[in-house]
Full PDB file with SEQRES, HELIX, SHEET, SSBOND, CRYST1, ORIGX, SCALE, CONECT and MASTER records, all heavy atoms in Angstrom:
SEQRES   1 A   39  LEU ARG LYS LYS THR ARG ALA GLN ALA LYS ILE ASP CYS          
SEQRES   2 A   39  ALA TYR VAL GLY PHE GLU CYS PRO ASP GLU PHE ILE VAL          
SEQRES   3 A   39  GLY TYR GLY LEU ASP TYR ALA GLU ARG TYR ARG ASN LEU          
SHEET    1 AA1 2 ARG A   2  LYS A   3  0                                        
SHEET    2 AA1 2 GLU A  19  CYS A  20  1                                        
CRYST1    1.000    1.000    1.000  90.00  90.00  90.00 P 1           1          
ORIGX1      1.000000  0.000000  0.000000        0.00000                         
ORIGX2      0.000000  1.000000  0.000000        0.00000                         
ORIGX3      0.000000  0.000000  1.000000        0.00000                         
SCALE1      1.000000  0.000000  0.000000        0.00000                         
SCALE2      0.000000  1.000000  0.000000        0.00000                         
SCALE3      0.000000  0.000000  1.000000        0.00000                         
ATOM      1  N   LEU A   1      56.891  76.108 101.604  1.00  0.00           N  
ATOM      2  CA  LEU A   1      57.850  75.086 101.197  1.00  0.00           C  
ATOM      3  C   LEU A   1      59.274  75.597 101.375  1.00  0.00           C  
ATOM      4  O   LEU A   1      59.561  76.763 101.093  1.00  0.00           O  
ATOM      5  CB  LEU A   1      57.640  74.720  99.724  1.00  0.00           C  
ATOM      6  CG  LEU A   1      56.260  74.199  99.327  1.00  0.00           C  
ATOM      7  CD1 LEU A   1      56.115  74.198  97.818  1.00  0.00           C  
ATOM      8  CD2 LEU A   1      56.031  72.804  99.891  1.00  0.00           C  
ATOM      9  N   ARG A   2      60.166  74.716 101.845  1.00  0.00           N  
ATOM     10  CA  ARG A   2      61.584  75.063 101.905  1.00  0.00           C  
ATOM     11  C   ARG A   2      62.359  73.990 101.154  1.00  0.00           C  
ATOM     12  O   ARG A   2      62.320  72.806 101.496  1.00  0.00           O  
ATOM     13  CB  ARG A   2      62.080  75.158 103.342  1.00  0.00           C  
ATOM     14  CG  ARG A   2      63.567  75.539 103.425  1.00  0.00           C  
ATOM     15  CD  ARG A   2      63.989  75.956 104.813  1.00  0.00           C  
ATOM     16  NE  ARG A   2      63.796  74.890 105.788  1.00  0.00           N  
ATOM     17  CZ  ARG A   2      63.951  75.045 107.107  1.00  0.00           C  
ATOM     18  NH1 ARG A   2      64.283  76.242 107.580  1.00  0.00           N  
ATOM     19  NH2 ARG A   2      63.752  74.041 107.929  1.00  0.00           N  
ATOM     20  N   LYS A   3      63.057  74.435 100.106  1.00  0.00           N  
ATOM     21  CA  LYS A   3      63.837  73.493  99.307  1.00  0.00           C  
ATOM     22  C   LYS A   3      65.144  73.124 100.007  1.00  0.00           C  
ATOM     23  O   LYS A   3      65.735  73.944 100.720  1.00  0.00           O  
ATOM     24  CB  LYS A   3      64.157  74.096  97.934  1.00  0.00           C  
ATOM     25  CG  LYS A   3      62.985  74.148  96.976  1.00  0.00           C  
ATOM     26  CD  LYS A   3      63.458  74.585  95.598  1.00  0.00           C  
ATOM     27  CE  LYS A   3      62.317  74.616  94.606  1.00  0.00           C  
ATOM     28  NZ  LYS A   3      62.782  75.015  93.254  1.00  0.00           N  
ATOM     29  N   LYS A   4      65.595  71.898  99.779  1.00  0.00           N  
ATOM     30  CA  LYS A   4      66.871  71.449 100.325  1.00  0.00           C  
ATOM     31  C   LYS A   4      67.967  71.747  99.307  1.00  0.00           C  
ATOM     32  O   LYS A   4      68.284  70.934  98.442  1.00  0.00           O  
ATOM     33  CB  LYS A   4      66.819  69.953 100.630  1.00  0.00           C  
ATOM     34  CG  LYS A   4      65.796  69.585 101.701  1.00  0.00           C  
ATOM     35  CD  LYS A   4      65.748  68.073 101.910  1.00  0.00           C  
ATOM     36  CE  LYS A   4      64.730  67.699 102.975  1.00  0.00           C  
ATOM     37  NZ  LYS A   4      64.634  66.227 103.175  1.00  0.00           N  
ATOM     38  N   THR A   5      68.520  72.946  99.382  1.00  0.00           N  
ATOM     39  CA  THR A   5      69.573  73.351  98.446  1.00  0.00           C  
ATOM     40  C   THR A   5      70.827  73.742  99.212  1.00  0.00           C  
ATOM     41  O   THR A   5      70.757  74.335 100.291  1.00  0.00           O  
ATOM     42  CB  THR A   5      69.119  74.552  97.592  1.00  0.00           C  
ATOM     43  OG1 THR A   5      68.824  75.646  98.454  1.00  0.00           O  
ATOM     44  CG2 THR A   5      67.881  74.214  96.790  1.00  0.00           C  
ATOM     45  N   ARG A   6      71.990  73.424  98.642  1.00  0.00           N  
ATOM     46  CA  ARG A   6      73.263  73.723  99.306  1.00  0.00           C  
ATOM     47  C   ARG A   6      73.542  75.224  99.359  1.00  0.00           C  
ATOM     48  O   ARG A   6      74.129  75.722 100.306  1.00  0.00           O  
ATOM     49  CB  ARG A   6      74.401  73.026  98.565  1.00  0.00           C  
ATOM     50  CG  ARG A   6      74.365  71.502  98.672  1.00  0.00           C  
ATOM     51  CD  ARG A   6      75.558  70.900  97.955  1.00  0.00           C  
ATOM     52  NE  ARG A   6      75.563  69.443  98.053  1.00  0.00           N  
ATOM     53  CZ  ARG A   6      76.496  68.670  97.492  1.00  0.00           C  
ATOM     54  NH1 ARG A   6      77.480  69.234  96.809  1.00  0.00           N  
ATOM     55  NH2 ARG A   6      76.439  67.358  97.625  1.00  0.00           N  
ATOM     56  N   ALA A   7      73.154  75.907  98.300  1.00  0.00           N  
ATOM     57  CA  ALA A   7      73.509  77.330  98.182  1.00  0.00           C  
ATOM     58  C   ALA A   7      72.510  78.257  98.855  1.00  0.00           C  
ATOM     59  O   ALA A   7      72.581  79.469  98.691  1.00  0.00           O  
ATOM     60  CB  ALA A   7      73.614  77.694  96.698  1.00  0.00           C  
ATOM     61  N   GLN A   8      71.597  77.692  99.617  1.00  0.00           N  
ATOM     62  CA  GLN A   8      70.544  78.513 100.223  1.00  0.00           C  
ATOM     63  C   GLN A   8      71.117  79.474 101.270  1.00  0.00           C  
ATOM     64  O   GLN A   8      71.951  79.108 102.084  1.00  0.00           O  
ATOM     65  CB  GLN A   8      69.499  77.608 100.878  1.00  0.00           C  
ATOM     66  CG  GLN A   8      68.240  78.323 101.313  1.00  0.00           C  
ATOM     67  CD  GLN A   8      67.200  77.325 101.822  1.00  0.00           C  
ATOM     68  OE1 GLN A   8      67.142  77.053 103.016  1.00  0.00           O  
ATOM     69  NE2 GLN A   8      66.415  76.782 100.920  1.00  0.00           N  
ATOM     70  N   ALA A   9      70.647  80.720 101.206  1.00  0.00           N  
ATOM     71  CA  ALA A   9      71.083  81.714 102.194  1.00  0.00           C  
ATOM     72  C   ALA A   9      70.583  81.314 103.583  1.00  0.00           C  
ATOM     73  O   ALA A   9      69.576  80.614 103.720  1.00  0.00           O  
ATOM     74  CB  ALA A   9      70.534  83.082 101.804  1.00  0.00           C  
ATOM     75  N   LYS A  10      71.286  81.749 104.612  1.00  0.00           N  
ATOM     76  CA  LYS A  10      70.890  81.420 105.984  1.00  0.00           C  
ATOM     77  C   LYS A  10      69.751  82.342 106.407  1.00  0.00           C  
ATOM     78  O   LYS A  10      69.959  83.529 106.663  1.00  0.00           O  
ATOM     79  CB  LYS A  10      72.076  81.562 106.930  1.00  0.00           C  
ATOM     80  CG  LYS A  10      73.175  80.533 106.708  1.00  0.00           C  
ATOM     81  CD  LYS A  10      74.205  80.576 107.809  1.00  0.00           C  
ATOM     82  CE  LYS A  10      73.626  80.137 109.143  1.00  0.00           C  
ATOM     83  NZ  LYS A  10      74.647  80.072 110.210  1.00  0.00           N  
ATOM     84  N   ILE A  11      68.557  81.786 106.468  1.00  0.00           N  
ATOM     85  CA  ILE A  11      67.368  82.546 106.852  1.00  0.00           C  
ATOM     86  C   ILE A  11      66.641  81.771 107.942  1.00  0.00           C  
ATOM     87  O   ILE A  11      66.362  80.580 107.792  1.00  0.00           O  
ATOM     88  CB  ILE A  11      66.427  82.764 105.648  1.00  0.00           C  
ATOM     89  CG1 ILE A  11      67.121  83.623 104.592  1.00  0.00           C  
ATOM     90  CG2 ILE A  11      65.121  83.421 106.092  1.00  0.00           C  
ATOM     91  CD1 ILE A  11      66.328  83.791 103.322  1.00  0.00           C  
ATOM     92  N   ASP A  12      66.352  82.446 109.027  1.00  0.00           N  
ATOM     93  CA  ASP A  12      65.659  81.816 110.145  1.00  0.00           C  
ATOM     94  C   ASP A  12      64.151  81.885 109.910  1.00  0.00           C  
ATOM     95  O   ASP A  12      63.540  82.945 110.045  1.00  0.00           O  
ATOM     96  CB  ASP A  12      66.031  82.517 111.447  1.00  0.00           C  
ATOM     97  CG  ASP A  12      65.381  81.855 112.663  1.00  0.00           C  
ATOM     98  OD1 ASP A  12      64.997  80.671 112.546  1.00  0.00           O  
ATOM     99  OD2 ASP A  12      65.261  82.519 113.702  1.00  0.00           O  
ATOM    100  N   CYS A  13      63.563  80.762 109.522  1.00  0.00           N  
ATOM    101  CA  CYS A  13      62.120  80.711 109.288  1.00  0.00           C  
ATOM    102  C   CYS A  13      61.408  80.255 110.555  1.00  0.00           C  
ATOM    103  O   CYS A  13      61.659  79.146 111.049  1.00  0.00           O  
ATOM    104  CB  CYS A  13      61.786  79.740 108.151  1.00  0.00           C  
ATOM    105  SG  CYS A  13      62.292  80.330 106.544  1.00  0.00           S  
ATOM    106  N   ALA A  14      60.546  81.084 111.070  1.00  0.00           N  
ATOM    107  CA  ALA A  14      59.809  80.713 112.276  1.00  0.00           C  
ATOM    108  C   ALA A  14      58.787  79.629 111.992  1.00  0.00           C  
ATOM    109  O   ALA A  14      58.460  78.826 112.866  1.00  0.00           O  
ATOM    110  CB  ALA A  14      59.125  81.947 112.861  1.00  0.00           C  
ATOM    111  N   TYR A  15      58.271  79.599 110.762  1.00  0.00           N  
ATOM    112  CA  TYR A  15      57.225  78.643 110.412  1.00  0.00           C  
ATOM    113  C   TYR A  15      57.532  78.037 109.048  1.00  0.00           C  
ATOM    114  O   TYR A  15      57.699  78.756 108.063  1.00  0.00           O  
ATOM    115  CB  TYR A  15      55.855  79.332 110.369  1.00  0.00           C  
ATOM    116  CG  TYR A  15      55.574  80.195 111.579  1.00  0.00           C  
ATOM    117  CD1 TYR A  15      55.788  81.574 111.534  1.00  0.00           C  
ATOM    118  CD2 TYR A  15      55.107  79.638 112.769  1.00  0.00           C  
ATOM    119  CE1 TYR A  15      55.539  82.380 112.631  1.00  0.00           C  
ATOM    120  CE2 TYR A  15      54.859  80.432 113.878  1.00  0.00           C  
ATOM    121  CZ  TYR A  15      55.082  81.802 113.809  1.00  0.00           C  
ATOM    122  OH  TYR A  15      54.843  82.592 114.901  1.00  0.00           O  
ATOM    123  N   VAL A  16      57.616  76.698 108.997  1.00  0.00           N  
ATOM    124  CA  VAL A  16      57.874  75.989 107.741  1.00  0.00           C  
ATOM    125  C   VAL A  16      56.783  74.945 107.544  1.00  0.00           C  
ATOM    126  O   VAL A  16      56.539  74.115 108.431  1.00  0.00           O  
ATOM    127  CB  VAL A  16      59.266  75.311 107.745  1.00  0.00           C  
ATOM    128  CG1 VAL A  16      59.472  74.535 106.437  1.00  0.00           C  
ATOM    129  CG2 VAL A  16      60.365  76.344 107.931  1.00  0.00           C  
ATOM    130  N   GLY A  17      56.127  74.981 106.377  1.00  0.00           N  
ATOM    131  CA  GLY A  17      55.073  74.012 106.104  1.00  0.00           C  
ATOM    132  C   GLY A  17      55.643  72.648 105.760  1.00  0.00           C  
ATOM    133  O   GLY A  17      55.430  71.669 106.477  1.00  0.00           O  
ATOM    134  N   PHE A  18      56.417  72.593 104.674  1.00  0.00           N  
ATOM    135  CA  PHE A  18      56.970  71.317 104.202  1.00  0.00           C  
ATOM    136  C   PHE A  18      58.378  71.525 103.658  1.00  0.00           C  
ATOM    137  O   PHE A  18      58.690  72.559 103.072  1.00  0.00           O  
ATOM    138  CB  PHE A  18      56.099  70.734 103.068  1.00  0.00           C  
ATOM    139  CG  PHE A  18      54.664  70.552 103.442  1.00  0.00           C  
ATOM    140  CD1 PHE A  18      53.725  71.527 103.124  1.00  0.00           C  
ATOM    141  CD2 PHE A  18      54.229  69.411 104.107  1.00  0.00           C  
ATOM    142  CE1 PHE A  18      52.389  71.377 103.456  1.00  0.00           C  
ATOM    143  CE2 PHE A  18      52.902  69.244 104.448  1.00  0.00           C  
ATOM    144  CZ  PHE A  18      51.980  70.222 104.129  1.00  0.00           C  
ATOM    145  N   GLU A  19      59.222  70.503 103.856  1.00  0.00           N  
ATOM    146  CA  GLU A  19      60.506  70.448 103.165  1.00  0.00           C  
ATOM    147  C   GLU A  19      60.249  69.814 101.799  1.00  0.00           C  
ATOM    148  O   GLU A  19      59.425  68.907 101.669  1.00  0.00           O  
ATOM    149  CB  GLU A  19      61.513  69.607 103.951  1.00  0.00           C  
ATOM    150  CG  GLU A  19      61.753  70.078 105.378  1.00  0.00           C  
ATOM    151  CD  GLU A  19      62.652  71.312 105.436  1.00  0.00           C  
ATOM    152  OE1 GLU A  19      63.218  71.680 104.376  1.00  0.00           O  
ATOM    153  OE2 GLU A  19      62.784  71.895 106.528  1.00  0.00           O  
ATOM    154  N   CYS A  20      60.968  70.294 100.766  1.00  0.00           N  
ATOM    155  CA  CYS A  20      60.749  69.714  99.442  1.00  0.00           C  
ATOM    156  C   CYS A  20      62.078  69.551  98.716  1.00  0.00           C  
ATOM    157  O   CYS A  20      63.052  70.238  99.037  1.00  0.00           O  
ATOM    158  CB  CYS A  20      59.778  70.557  98.624  1.00  0.00           C  
ATOM    159  SG  CYS A  20      60.425  72.121  98.045  1.00  0.00           S  
ATOM    160  N   PRO A  21      62.145  68.669  97.730  1.00  0.00           N  
ATOM    161  CA  PRO A  21      63.390  68.430  97.007  1.00  0.00           C  
ATOM    162  C   PRO A  21      63.771  69.640  96.152  1.00  0.00           C  
ATOM    163  O   PRO A  21      62.951  70.511  95.867  1.00  0.00           O  
ATOM    164  CB  PRO A  21      63.063  67.221  96.132  1.00  0.00           C  
ATOM    165  CG  PRO A  21      61.581  67.274  95.951  1.00  0.00           C  
ATOM    166  CD  PRO A  21      61.049  67.800  97.252  1.00  0.00           C  
ATOM    167  N   ASP A  22      65.031  69.677  95.737  1.00  0.00           N  
ATOM    168  CA  ASP A  22      65.535  70.777  94.917  1.00  0.00           C  
ATOM    169  C   ASP A  22      65.148  70.558  93.452  1.00  0.00           C  
ATOM    170  O   ASP A  22      65.985  70.267  92.596  1.00  0.00           O  
ATOM    171  CB  ASP A  22      67.059  70.883  95.069  1.00  0.00           C  
ATOM    172  CG  ASP A  22      67.611  72.132  94.385  1.00  0.00           C  
ATOM    173  OD1 ASP A  22      66.794  73.002  94.027  1.00  0.00           O  
ATOM    174  OD2 ASP A  22      68.840  72.216  94.206  1.00  0.00           O  
ATOM    175  N   GLU A  23      63.860  70.687  93.199  1.00  0.00           N  
ATOM    176  CA  GLU A  23      63.302  70.553  91.852  1.00  0.00           C  
ATOM    177  C   GLU A  23      62.490  71.808  91.542  1.00  0.00           C  
ATOM    178  O   GLU A  23      62.125  72.567  92.453  1.00  0.00           O  
ATOM    179  CB  GLU A  23      62.388  69.320  91.767  1.00  0.00           C  
ATOM    180  CG  GLU A  23      63.044  68.013  92.161  1.00  0.00           C  
ATOM    181  CD  GLU A  23      63.940  67.446  91.082  1.00  0.00           C  
ATOM    182  OE1 GLU A  23      63.985  68.045  89.972  1.00  0.00           O  
ATOM    183  OE2 GLU A  23      64.585  66.418  91.327  1.00  0.00           O  
ATOM    184  N   PHE A  24      62.220  72.033  90.254  1.00  0.00           N  
ATOM    185  CA  PHE A  24      61.381  73.175  89.908  1.00  0.00           C  
ATOM    186  C   PHE A  24      59.928  72.758  90.056  1.00  0.00           C  
ATOM    187  O   PHE A  24      59.445  71.868  89.351  1.00  0.00           O  
ATOM    188  CB  PHE A  24      61.647  73.668  88.483  1.00  0.00           C  
ATOM    189  CG  PHE A  24      61.109  75.058  88.255  1.00  0.00           C  
ATOM    190  CD1 PHE A  24      61.859  76.169  88.579  1.00  0.00           C  
ATOM    191  CD2 PHE A  24      59.817  75.251  87.776  1.00  0.00           C  
ATOM    192  CE1 PHE A  24      61.365  77.455  88.410  1.00  0.00           C  
ATOM    193  CE2 PHE A  24      59.312  76.527  87.601  1.00  0.00           C  
ATOM    194  CZ  PHE A  24      60.084  77.636  87.915  1.00  0.00           C  
ATOM    195  N   ILE A  25      59.225  73.388  90.996  1.00  0.00           N  
ATOM    196  CA  ILE A  25      57.863  72.990  91.326  1.00  0.00           C  
ATOM    197  C   ILE A  25      56.856  74.043  90.871  1.00  0.00           C  
ATOM    198  O   ILE A  25      57.144  75.233  90.836  1.00  0.00           O  
ATOM    199  CB  ILE A  25      57.718  72.731  92.843  1.00  0.00           C  
ATOM    200  CG1 ILE A  25      58.260  73.923  93.648  1.00  0.00           C  
ATOM    201  CG2 ILE A  25      58.429  71.447  93.241  1.00  0.00           C  
ATOM    202  CD1 ILE A  25      58.148  73.773  95.139  1.00  0.00           C  
ATOM    203  N   VAL A  26      55.668  73.553  90.526  1.00  0.00           N  
ATOM    204  CA  VAL A  26      54.602  74.428  90.030  1.00  0.00           C  
ATOM    205  C   VAL A  26      53.276  74.015  90.659  1.00  0.00           C  
ATOM    206  O   VAL A  26      53.146  72.925  91.218  1.00  0.00           O  
ATOM    207  CB  VAL A  26      54.490  74.375  88.486  1.00  0.00           C  
ATOM    208  CG1 VAL A  26      55.727  74.945  87.825  1.00  0.00           C  
ATOM    209  CG2 VAL A  26      54.231  72.953  88.009  1.00  0.00           C  
ATOM    210  N   GLY A  27      52.287  74.882  90.533  1.00  0.00           N  
ATOM    211  CA  GLY A  27      50.956  74.613  91.063  1.00  0.00           C  
ATOM    212  C   GLY A  27      50.701  75.345  92.367  1.00  0.00           C  
ATOM    213  O   GLY A  27      51.629  75.837  93.023  1.00  0.00           O  
ATOM    214  N   TYR A  28      49.445  75.478  92.748  1.00  0.00           N  
ATOM    215  CA  TYR A  28      49.046  76.181  93.976  1.00  0.00           C  
ATOM    216  C   TYR A  28      49.653  77.583  94.004  1.00  0.00           C  
ATOM    217  O   TYR A  28      50.145  78.058  95.014  1.00  0.00           O  
ATOM    218  CB  TYR A  28      49.460  75.372  95.197  1.00  0.00           C  
ATOM    219  CG  TYR A  28      48.863  75.845  96.516  1.00  0.00           C  
ATOM    220  CD1 TYR A  28      47.489  75.815  96.751  1.00  0.00           C  
ATOM    221  CD2 TYR A  28      49.694  76.318  97.531  1.00  0.00           C  
ATOM    222  CE1 TYR A  28      46.962  76.262  97.960  1.00  0.00           C  
ATOM    223  CE2 TYR A  28      49.182  76.758  98.745  1.00  0.00           C  
ATOM    224  CZ  TYR A  28      47.802  76.731  98.945  1.00  0.00           C  
ATOM    225  OH  TYR A  28      47.286  77.168 100.142  1.00  0.00           O  
ATOM    226  N   GLY A  29      49.624  78.252  92.856  1.00  0.00           N  
ATOM    227  CA  GLY A  29      50.146  79.602  92.756  1.00  0.00           C  
ATOM    228  C   GLY A  29      51.560  79.706  92.230  1.00  0.00           C  
ATOM    229  O   GLY A  29      51.995  80.778  91.808  1.00  0.00           O  
ATOM    230  N   LEU A  30      52.314  78.613  92.238  1.00  0.00           N  
ATOM    231  CA  LEU A  30      53.687  78.622  91.733  1.00  0.00           C  
ATOM    232  C   LEU A  30      53.668  78.435  90.217  1.00  0.00           C  
ATOM    233  O   LEU A  30      52.895  77.631  89.692  1.00  0.00           O  
ATOM    234  CB  LEU A  30      54.499  77.507  92.388  1.00  0.00           C  
ATOM    235  CG  LEU A  30      54.624  77.612  93.914  1.00  0.00           C  
ATOM    236  CD1 LEU A  30      55.121  76.309  94.497  1.00  0.00           C  
ATOM    237  CD2 LEU A  30      55.550  78.753  94.288  1.00  0.00           C  
ATOM    238  N   ASP A  31      54.553  79.176  89.521  1.00  0.00           N  
ATOM    239  CA  ASP A  31      54.473  79.157  88.062  1.00  0.00           C  
ATOM    240  C   ASP A  31      55.804  78.875  87.397  1.00  0.00           C  
ATOM    241  O   ASP A  31      56.876  78.941  88.015  1.00  0.00           O  
ATOM    242  CB  ASP A  31      53.981  80.524  87.563  1.00  0.00           C  
ATOM    243  CG  ASP A  31      55.094  81.561  87.587  1.00  0.00           C  
ATOM    244  OD1 ASP A  31      55.598  81.872  88.682  1.00  0.00           O  
ATOM    245  OD2 ASP A  31      55.474  82.059  86.503  1.00  0.00           O  
ATOM    246  N   TYR A  32      55.738  78.564  86.109  1.00  0.00           N  
ATOM    247  CA  TYR A  32      56.882  78.601  85.210  1.00  0.00           C  
ATOM    248  C   TYR A  32      56.478  79.497  84.046  1.00  0.00           C  
ATOM    249  O   TYR A  32      55.567  79.152  83.280  1.00  0.00           O  
ATOM    250  CB  TYR A  32      57.253  77.198  84.692  1.00  0.00           C  
ATOM    251  CG  TYR A  32      58.200  77.251  83.516  1.00  0.00           C  
ATOM    252  CD1 TYR A  32      59.464  77.820  83.656  1.00  0.00           C  
ATOM    253  CD2 TYR A  32      57.830  76.754  82.270  1.00  0.00           C  
ATOM    254  CE1 TYR A  32      60.334  77.888  82.579  1.00  0.00           C  
ATOM    255  CE2 TYR A  32      58.690  76.810  81.196  1.00  0.00           C  
ATOM    256  CZ  TYR A  32      59.943  77.389  81.352  1.00  0.00           C  
ATOM    257  OH  TYR A  32      60.803  77.454  80.281  1.00  0.00           O  
ATOM    258  N   ALA A  33      57.127  80.688  83.947  1.00  0.00           N  
ATOM    259  CA  ALA A  33      56.812  81.657  82.890  1.00  0.00           C  
ATOM    260  C   ALA A  33      55.312  81.932  82.825  1.00  0.00           C  
ATOM    261  O   ALA A  33      54.705  81.945  81.755  1.00  0.00           O  
ATOM    262  CB  ALA A  33      57.334  81.171  81.546  1.00  0.00           C  
ATOM    263  N   GLU A  34      54.706  82.122  84.003  1.00  0.00           N  
ATOM    264  CA  GLU A  34      53.282  82.470  84.158  1.00  0.00           C  
ATOM    265  C   GLU A  34      52.325  81.322  83.815  1.00  0.00           C  
ATOM    266  O   GLU A  34      51.128  81.550  83.642  1.00  0.00           O  
ATOM    267  CB  GLU A  34      52.915  83.712  83.323  1.00  0.00           C  
ATOM    268  CG  GLU A  34      53.689  84.957  83.707  1.00  0.00           C  
ATOM    269  CD  GLU A  34      53.529  85.310  85.170  1.00  0.00           C  
ATOM    270  OE1 GLU A  34      52.471  85.021  85.751  1.00  0.00           O  
ATOM    271  OE2 GLU A  34      54.470  85.870  85.739  1.00  0.00           O  
ATOM    272  N   ARG A  35      52.806  80.091  83.757  1.00  0.00           N  
ATOM    273  CA  ARG A  35      51.951  78.936  83.505  1.00  0.00           C  
ATOM    274  C   ARG A  35      51.880  78.050  84.746  1.00  0.00           C  
ATOM    275  O   ARG A  35      52.745  78.084  85.599  1.00  0.00           O  
ATOM    276  CB  ARG A  35      52.468  78.120  82.312  1.00  0.00           C  
ATOM    277  CG  ARG A  35      52.509  78.903  81.003  1.00  0.00           C  
ATOM    278  CD  ARG A  35      53.207  78.118  79.918  1.00  0.00           C  
ATOM    279  NE  ARG A  35      52.499  76.871  79.605  1.00  0.00           N  
ATOM    280  CZ  ARG A  35      53.010  75.893  78.850  1.00  0.00           C  
ATOM    281  NH1 ARG A  35      54.227  76.010  78.353  1.00  0.00           N  
ATOM    282  NH2 ARG A  35      52.302  74.818  78.612  1.00  0.00           N  
ATOM    283  N   TYR A  36      50.809  77.283  84.833  1.00  0.00           N  
ATOM    284  CA  TYR A  36      50.596  76.236  85.848  1.00  0.00           C  
ATOM    285  C   TYR A  36      50.187  76.758  87.230  1.00  0.00           C  
ATOM    286  O   TYR A  36      50.005  75.973  88.157  1.00  0.00           O  
ATOM    287  CB  TYR A  36      51.843  75.345  86.015  1.00  0.00           C  
ATOM    288  CG  TYR A  36      52.400  74.803  84.738  1.00  0.00           C  
ATOM    289  CD1 TYR A  36      53.661  75.194  84.275  1.00  0.00           C  
ATOM    290  CD2 TYR A  36      51.665  73.909  83.962  1.00  0.00           C  
ATOM    291  CE1 TYR A  36      54.179  74.705  83.091  1.00  0.00           C  
ATOM    292  CE2 TYR A  36      52.180  73.406  82.770  1.00  0.00           C  
ATOM    293  CZ  TYR A  36      53.437  73.818  82.335  1.00  0.00           C  
ATOM    294  OH  TYR A  36      53.941  73.332  81.159  1.00  0.00           O  
ATOM    295  N   ARG A  37      49.998  78.083  87.404  1.00  0.00           N  
ATOM    296  CA  ARG A  37      49.622  78.607  88.718  1.00  0.00           C  
ATOM    297  C   ARG A  37      48.319  78.003  89.234  1.00  0.00           C  
ATOM    298  O   ARG A  37      48.118  77.853  90.430  1.00  0.00           O  
ATOM    299  CB  ARG A  37      49.439  80.128  88.650  1.00  0.00           C  
ATOM    300  CG  ARG A  37      50.696  80.916  88.455  1.00  0.00           C  
ATOM    301  CD  ARG A  37      50.400  82.403  88.678  1.00  0.00           C  
ATOM    302  NE  ARG A  37      51.492  83.244  88.242  1.00  0.00           N  
ATOM    303  CZ  ARG A  37      52.602  83.456  88.930  1.00  0.00           C  
ATOM    304  NH1 ARG A  37      52.755  82.854  90.097  1.00  0.00           N  
ATOM    305  NH2 ARG A  37      53.538  84.248  88.462  1.00  0.00           N  
ATOM    306  N   ASN A  38      47.403  77.711  88.304  1.00  0.00           N  
ATOM    307  CA  ASN A  38      46.054  77.314  88.705  1.00  0.00           C  
ATOM    308  C   ASN A  38      45.919  75.822  89.004  1.00  0.00           C  
ATOM    309  O   ASN A  38      44.806  75.343  89.276  1.00  0.00           O  
ATOM    310  CB  ASN A  38      45.048  77.703  87.620  1.00  0.00           C  
ATOM    311  CG  ASN A  38      45.367  77.049  86.279  1.00  0.00           C  
ATOM    312  OD1 ASN A  38      46.536  76.871  85.949  1.00  0.00           O  
ATOM    313  ND2 ASN A  38      44.347  76.724  85.509  1.00  0.00           N  
ATOM    314  N   LEU A  39      47.006  75.075  88.961  1.00  0.00           N  
ATOM    315  CA  LEU A  39      46.909  73.656  89.310  1.00  0.00           C  
ATOM    316  C   LEU A  39      46.490  73.519  90.778  1.00  0.00           C  
ATOM    317  O   LEU A  39      46.995  74.238  91.644  1.00  0.00           O  
ATOM    318  CB  LEU A  39      48.256  72.954  89.098  1.00  0.00           C  
ATOM    319  CG  LEU A  39      48.756  72.832  87.651  1.00  0.00           C  
ATOM    320  CD1 LEU A  39      50.130  72.168  87.629  1.00  0.00           C  
ATOM    321  CD2 LEU A  39      47.770  72.046  86.802  1.00  0.00           C  
TER     322      LEU A  39                                                      
MASTER        0    0    0    0    2    0    0    6  321    1    0    3          
END                                                                             
């Protein structure tokens, strides 16, 4: 996932799965304070 954020550093990604909004996302391994990874 690549978030659409203004302050994002310039990084050349050879492979991008999906663009996503600038929100805090969880699930599929992503967590908030070690919660929600297993969604």
